[in-house]
Amino acid sequence: MRPRASYRPSHFLPPALLVASGAVVGSLSVLNEFFTSLFNVLPTLLLLLGGAFCSVYGRVRQVALLLVVYLAYYLLDTQVDHFQVQGVVREDAGLVFHLSSLLLPLLYGLHGCWEERTHLARDLVARCAVLVAVLGVVLALGSRFPDGMLGAVGSVYWPLLHGDWMNLVQLAYLAFLLALVALLVTYLRHPRPQHGAQLLGLCGLAWMLPKVFILPHALHVMSSMVMLALTASVAHEAYQMAFRDELTGLPGRRALNERLRRLGRNYVLAMTDVDHFKKFNDTYGHDVGDQVLRLVASRLRKVGGGGKAYRYGGEEFTILFSGKTMEECLPHLEAVRQAIEAYQIRLRDPDNRPRNDDAGRARRGASAGQAVSVTISIGAAERDALQRTPDEVIKAADQALYSAKSAGRNRVFRHGENRRGAVRIRDVAG
C-alpha cells in the first residue's frame, strides 16, 4: 500500500479546472466568432503540438490518448457539421455515433492502463497497430453489415439497468465504467499527475458524448480541454520530477533554492540530519533506510509555526521559517524532534508483511518483531547582520548542526549570535 502522501490533490487540480471550464463553456449555446474559430482548430493544434511535446518527453501513452480522442472528435465533428448545415443527420450518423461512444472509452482506457515500455518506438508502433486493427475491423464490419452492427451495439442487454436518462447505448456506459475502474486502479498503484489527468479526461468525455448533437460547442470545447489536460499533465509531472523528492514526497533542493531567492528580510533556516543513518542502512538494509527517511519526512512535514520542510540531500533535511524569529521557531523544532524520537519502527519478517494499513496498525503494538527508534539532530540559524544571504545562513545552520552532533546528537542547537559557535537549546539523552 502506498503512503498517503503519494496521493496528492495537486494531481487532479489542473485537469479538474480544465475539464470543469470545458463543461461550462461547452454548455453555452452561443460563443463569439473568435472563440468559435479557436475551438474549431484547437483539437488539431493540440494533436500536433501536444503530440510533439509528449514525444520529446518520451510519453508515448499520452500521444496514443491524444490520438484516440482526436479520432473520435474527427468522426463526430463530420457528423455534427452535416447536422448543423443540413438540419438532418447523415444516414450513417447513428452507427458512427454509437460505435464512437463504445470504442472511445474502451480504447482510452486500454491506452491509459497500457504501461510504457523501454523501447519507445516499438511501444508507439504497437499502440498504433492496435488502433489500426480495431478501427479496421470495425470499419469493415460496419460497411458490410451496417444494420447488424447497429442492432448489436444499440440493443438493451440488461433491461433492469436501463433508464430513461441514458442518452448513450447501454454498452457505452459499461465501457465507461470498465475504463473508469481500470484507470482508477492505475492511479492507486502509481499516483502520478498523468494518471490523474487520464481519469478526469475520461469524465469529461463521458459528459461530452451525450451532448454532441444537443449543444453546438460541446464536442469542440471538451475535446480541446481533455487533450489540453493530457498534454499539461506531462509538464506537471516533469515539474514534480525536478522539484519534488520522489522517495519522501517533500520538495527537493531545487525547490528550496527557488524559495531562497524570494525570501524577505526575516527568516530562520534549520538543517536536520538523521542520527546514525549509515548504521541503519548497514544493519537493516536500504529498505529500512528508506522507511526511516519517509518517517522523518512525514513528521517534518507537520512542523508547526509556518515551517516548510525540504529534502536537502541524502539523510539531510531543511526546514524554512519565513518571517519568523529564532525564539518563535525553536519550540516547533523541539516538538518535531520529540515526535520523531517517540516513534518506534517495528521491524518484521518481509515475508509476513501486513496486507494493508489497518492490519499494520493492529500489529504495531504486538511484541513480535524488533523495535528501533530514530532520532534527529537540528541546527538552526537566522538571518541577521552577520548572516545576510541564504548561503551564509545555511552555512551557519550547518555549523550548529555539526555542534549538535558533536555534543551527542538528538538535540536542537542554535547558532550563536556572537558567531562564537552554537548555543545548545536542550539536551536529551539519546
Foldseek 3Di string as FASTA:
>chain_A
DDDPLLADCVLQVVLVVLLVVLVVVLQDQDDDPVVVVCLVCLLVVLLVVLLVLCVVVLNLLLNLLSVLLVVLLVLLVVQQVCCVVVVDGDPCNLVSLQVSLQVSLQLLLVSLLDDQDPPSVVVNVVNVVVVCVVVVVSVVCCVVPVPVSSCVSQDDPDVVPDDPPDLHRPNSVVSLVVSLVSLVVVCVVPPASLSSLSNSLSVSVVVQSSCSNPRSCSSSSSSSSSSVSNSVSVVVRVVCVVFADPLQRAGEQVVVVVVLVPADQKKKKKKKAWPPLVVCCVPPNVVVSSVLLNLLSVLLCPQDQQWGKYAHDDRMIMIMHGPDDPVSRVVSVLVSQVVQQPDKDFDDDPVDDDPDPVRVVVCPPPPPGDIDGIGMEMFMEMDDPVQRGPVSRVVQNVQQRVVCVVVAGSAYWYRDPVNPGIDGDDDDHD
